[in-house]
């Protein structure tokens, strides 16, 4: 299992392919650090995840079809694919956590928004 860091969390294939700056604003740094810590803790429990989306600047969020008030733009959300555990099992557990405000699975990935 590979724990993610801030560089991983803000990386975006979409931003790279469109030559966009997806840098994290300083005002969201604490959110990002807390989200990364939570994500890594979940990975430890469930055997690893592949992060598919972390922080998104508003332009990237629009390009990927994100919702207008996406928590990705506040560094309070992750999308990921579980590597060793069925998505529904991970989702069932995640939904019980008090720090989770919204979670769902779609097309094999899981989205989690944190408070």
Protein backbone atom coordinates (compact mmCIF):
# COMPACT_ATOMS: atom_id res chain seq x y z
CA UNK A 1 0.00 0.00 0.00
CA UNK A 2 1.33 3.39 -0.98
CA UNK A 3 0.30 6.29 1.23
CA UNK A 4 -0.44 9.52 -0.60
CA UNK A 5 1.00 12.93 0.17
CA UNK A 6 0.02 16.48 -0.79
CA UNK A 7 1.67 16.19 -4.20
CA UNK A 8 -0.43 13.11 -5.00
CA UNK A 9 -3.59 14.74 -3.67
CA UNK A 10 -3.36 17.79 -5.97
CA UNK A 11 -2.11 15.94 -9.07
CA UNK A 12 -4.61 15.92 -11.93
CA UNK A 13 -4.27 14.28 -15.35
CA UNK A 14 -6.90 16.72 -16.58
CA UNK A 15 -4.90 19.74 -15.36
CA UNK A 16 -1.72 18.41 -16.96
CA UNK A 17 -3.38 17.67 -20.30
CA UNK A 18 -4.92 21.17 -20.39
CA UNK A 19 -1.78 22.86 -19.06
CA UNK A 20 -3.67 24.20 -16.02
CA UNK A 21 -2.37 25.13 -12.59
CA UNK A 22 -4.13 22.90 -10.07
CA UNK A 23 -2.13 24.21 -7.10
CA UNK A 24 -3.77 24.07 -3.70
CA UNK A 25 -4.62 27.51 -2.27
CA UNK A 26 -3.08 27.99 1.17
CA UNK A 27 -6.53 28.50 2.70
CA UNK A 28 -7.32 24.82 1.93
CA UNK A 29 -4.02 23.33 3.13
CA UNK A 30 -5.41 22.23 6.52
CA UNK A 31 -8.41 20.61 4.82
CA UNK A 32 -6.09 18.77 2.44
CA UNK A 33 -3.83 17.53 5.22
CA UNK A 34 -6.81 16.23 7.19
CA UNK A 35 -8.33 14.59 4.08
CA UNK A 36 -5.01 12.92 3.23
CA UNK A 37 -4.68 11.63 6.80
CA UNK A 38 -8.19 10.16 6.68
CA UNK A 39 -7.64 8.64 3.25
CA UNK A 40 -4.38 7.00 4.33
CA UNK A 41 -6.03 5.64 7.50
CA UNK A 42 -8.78 4.05 5.39
CA UNK A 43 -6.15 2.52 3.10
CA UNK A 44 -4.49 0.92 6.12
CA UNK A 45 -7.79 -0.72 7.07
CA UNK A 46 -8.78 -1.91 3.60
CA UNK A 47 -5.52 -2.85 1.90
CA UNK A 48 -4.87 0.09 -0.38
CA UNK A 49 -6.66 2.34 -2.83
CA UNK A 50 -5.85 3.98 -6.14
CA UNK A 51 -6.63 7.69 -5.86
CA UNK A 52 -8.48 8.89 -8.93
CA UNK A 53 -9.31 12.45 -7.82
CA UNK A 54 -8.31 14.69 -4.96
CA UNK A 55 -8.16 18.49 -4.96
CA UNK A 56 -9.60 20.20 -8.03
CA UNK A 57 -9.38 23.87 -8.90
CA UNK A 58 -12.70 25.22 -10.24
CA UNK A 59 -11.62 24.95 -13.89
CA UNK A 60 -10.54 21.32 -13.52
CA UNK A 61 -13.73 20.56 -11.61
CA UNK A 62 -15.77 21.97 -14.49
CA UNK A 63 -13.75 20.09 -17.12
CA UNK A 64 -14.25 16.72 -15.37
CA UNK A 65 -17.98 17.34 -14.93
CA UNK A 66 -17.87 17.93 -11.16
CA UNK A 67 -20.86 19.45 -9.40
CA UNK A 68 -20.87 23.20 -8.87
CA UNK A 69 -20.29 23.03 -5.10
CA UNK A 70 -17.94 20.03 -5.18
CA UNK A 71 -16.01 19.40 -1.96
CA UNK A 72 -13.01 18.56 -4.17
CA UNK A 73 -12.60 22.33 -4.65
CA UNK A 74 -12.27 22.78 -0.86
CA UNK A 75 -9.86 19.82 -0.46
CA UNK A 76 -12.54 17.89 1.46
CA UNK A 77 -13.15 15.01 -0.96
CA UNK A 78 -11.50 12.00 -2.58
CA UNK A 79 -12.42 9.58 -5.32
CA UNK A 80 -10.67 6.23 -5.27
CA UNK A 81 -10.75 2.59 -6.32
CA UNK A 82 -10.23 -0.05 -3.62
CA UNK A 83 -7.47 -2.48 -4.62
CA UNK A 84 -8.16 -5.41 -2.31
CA UNK A 85 -11.64 -4.95 -0.83
CA UNK A 86 -15.04 -4.90 -2.57
CA UNK A 87 -16.22 -1.29 -3.07
CA UNK A 88 -19.58 -1.92 -1.34
CA UNK A 89 -17.82 -3.16 1.81
CA UNK A 90 -15.59 -0.08 1.94
CA UNK A 91 -18.57 2.18 1.25
CA UNK A 92 -20.67 0.58 4.00
CA UNK A 93 -17.91 1.24 6.53
CA UNK A 94 -17.12 4.76 5.32
CA UNK A 95 -20.76 5.84 5.58
CA UNK A 96 -20.65 5.08 9.33
CA UNK A 97 -17.82 7.52 10.03
CA UNK A 98 -18.90 10.78 11.71
CA UNK A 99 -16.43 12.79 9.61
CA UNK A 100 -18.07 11.68 6.35
CA UNK A 101 -20.78 13.97 5.01
CA UNK A 102 -21.47 12.14 1.74
CA UNK A 103 -20.30 8.92 0.11
CA UNK A 104 -21.33 6.85 -2.90
CA UNK A 105 -19.93 4.43 -5.45
CA UNK A 106 -20.22 4.71 -9.21
CA UNK A 107 -18.46 3.00 -12.12
CA UNK A 108 -16.15 1.12 -9.74
CA UNK A 109 -14.86 4.11 -7.79
CA UNK A 110 -15.90 5.49 -4.42
CA UNK A 111 -16.46 9.18 -3.70
CA UNK A 112 -16.13 10.42 -0.12
CA UNK A 113 -16.74 13.98 1.12
CA UNK A 114 -15.51 14.90 4.58
CA UNK A 115 -16.60 17.56 7.08
